[in-house]
Amino acid sequence: MIILNRVFDFEWDEGNSGKNLKKHGVTNQEAEEIFFDEKKKIYKDILHSQKEPRSILLGKTEKKRLLCVVFTIRRGKLRVISARNINKKERYLYEKAV
């Protein structure tokens, strides 16, 4: 499991701006909120890490919405690749760990 032990800045790709909102109803702010969930769980995304190391974050927003965020760290900044509601398997992983 990966541990984020310092505060990172977020970097948003202008080309993907609004993609998560349009596709999954998740705002950039909501995606950022789960990084501050004290009970968040982070896993390595082995299947999608061929070009760069990616991670999967499971956590709750301030409004208690459970999200799955795929991200990478580039030049010391968190870059969100995708954000969506968690699925049944991910919910189990989050709740089991909590």
Protein backbone atom coordinates (compact mmCIF):
# COMPACT_ATOMS: atom_id res chain seq x y z
CA MET A 1 0.00 0.00 0.00
CA ILE A 2 1.17 3.52 -0.81
CA ILE A 3 1.20 6.17 1.89
CA LEU A 4 0.95 9.88 1.17
CA ASN A 5 2.96 11.42 3.97
CA ARG A 6 3.05 15.02 2.81
CA VAL A 7 0.71 17.54 1.29
CA PHE A 8 0.79 17.70 -2.49
CA ASP A 9 -0.45 20.29 -4.91
CA PHE A 10 -2.96 19.13 -7.50
CA GLU A 11 -2.32 19.44 -11.21
CA TRP A 12 -5.28 19.23 -13.61
CA ASP A 13 -4.85 18.47 -17.29
CA GLU A 14 -6.68 21.11 -19.31
CA GLY A 15 -7.41 18.52 -22.01
CA ASN A 16 -9.31 16.43 -19.43
CA SER A 17 -11.02 19.39 -17.79
CA GLY A 18 -14.61 18.48 -17.05
CA LYS A 19 -14.21 14.86 -18.19
CA ASN A 20 -14.96 13.34 -14.78
CA LEU A 21 -17.92 15.65 -14.27
CA LYS A 22 -19.40 14.87 -17.68
CA LYS A 23 -18.74 11.13 -17.56
CA HIS A 24 -19.20 10.33 -13.86
CA GLY A 25 -20.70 13.40 -12.18
CA VAL A 26 -17.54 14.01 -10.10
CA THR A 27 -16.19 17.55 -9.77
CA ASN A 28 -12.48 18.28 -9.42
CA GLN A 29 -13.13 19.51 -5.87
CA GLU A 30 -14.83 16.22 -4.90
CA ALA A 31 -11.91 14.23 -6.35
CA GLU A 32 -9.48 16.31 -4.28
CA GLU A 33 -11.54 15.92 -1.08
CA ILE A 34 -10.96 12.18 -0.77
CA PHE A 35 -7.20 12.67 -0.48
CA PHE A 36 -7.97 14.19 2.94
CA ASP A 37 -10.22 11.34 4.11
CA GLU A 38 -8.50 9.95 7.19
CA LYS A 39 -9.77 6.46 6.33
CA LYS A 40 -8.75 6.53 2.65
CA LYS A 41 -7.13 3.48 1.11
CA ILE A 42 -4.48 3.66 -1.59
CA TYR A 43 -3.36 0.77 -3.78
CA LYS A 44 -0.87 0.44 -6.61
CA ASP A 45 -2.53 0.26 -10.03
CA ILE A 46 -0.30 -2.46 -11.45
CA LEU A 47 -2.39 -3.04 -14.58
CA HIS A 48 -2.12 0.58 -15.76
CA SER A 49 1.39 1.50 -14.65
CA GLN A 50 3.38 0.60 -17.76
CA LYS A 51 4.30 4.21 -18.69
CA GLU A 52 4.23 5.74 -15.20
CA PRO A 53 3.34 4.53 -11.69
CA ARG A 54 -0.37 4.95 -11.03
CA SER A 55 -2.34 4.48 -7.85
CA ILE A 56 -5.97 3.87 -6.93
CA LEU A 57 -7.47 5.84 -4.07
CA LEU A 58 -10.72 4.88 -2.35
CA GLY A 59 -12.23 7.45 -0.03
CA LYS A 60 -15.17 9.60 1.07
CA THR A 61 -15.97 13.18 0.15
CA GLU A 62 -17.17 15.72 2.70
CA LYS A 63 -20.73 14.77 1.68
CA LYS A 64 -19.96 11.07 2.37
CA ARG A 65 -19.86 10.09 -1.32
CA LEU A 66 -17.54 7.11 -1.88
CA LEU A 67 -15.20 7.63 -4.83
CA CYS A 68 -12.45 5.83 -6.68
CA VAL A 69 -9.72 8.11 -8.00
CA VAL A 70 -6.86 6.95 -10.20
CA PHE A 71 -3.86 9.26 -9.94
CA THR A 72 -0.15 9.63 -10.51
CA ILE A 73 2.49 11.95 -9.12
CA ARG A 74 4.29 14.10 -11.69
CA ARG A 75 6.97 16.59 -10.73
CA GLY A 76 5.80 16.51 -7.12
CA LYS A 77 2.14 17.18 -7.94
CA LEU A 78 -0.89 14.89 -7.73
CA ARG A 79 -2.44 14.46 -11.16
CA VAL A 80 -5.91 12.91 -11.19
CA ILE A 81 -6.45 10.64 -14.17
CA SER A 82 -10.04 9.60 -13.45
CA ALA A 83 -12.65 9.87 -10.70
CA ARG A 84 -15.92 7.97 -10.35
CA ASN A 85 -18.23 6.31 -7.81
CA ILE A 86 -16.77 3.16 -6.32
CA ASN A 87 -18.09 -0.21 -7.45
CA LYS A 88 -19.25 -3.11 -5.25
CA LYS A 89 -15.79 -4.72 -5.01
CA GLU A 90 -14.11 -1.41 -4.17
CA ARG A 91 -16.77 -0.64 -1.56
CA TYR A 92 -15.96 -3.97 0.09
CA LEU A 93 -12.22 -3.13 0.10
CA TYR A 94 -12.85 0.30 1.59
CA GLU A 95 -15.28 -0.88 4.26
CA LYS A 96 -13.18 -3.95 5.15
CA ALA A 97 -10.14 -1.75 5.74
CA VAL A 98 -12.16 0.79 7.76
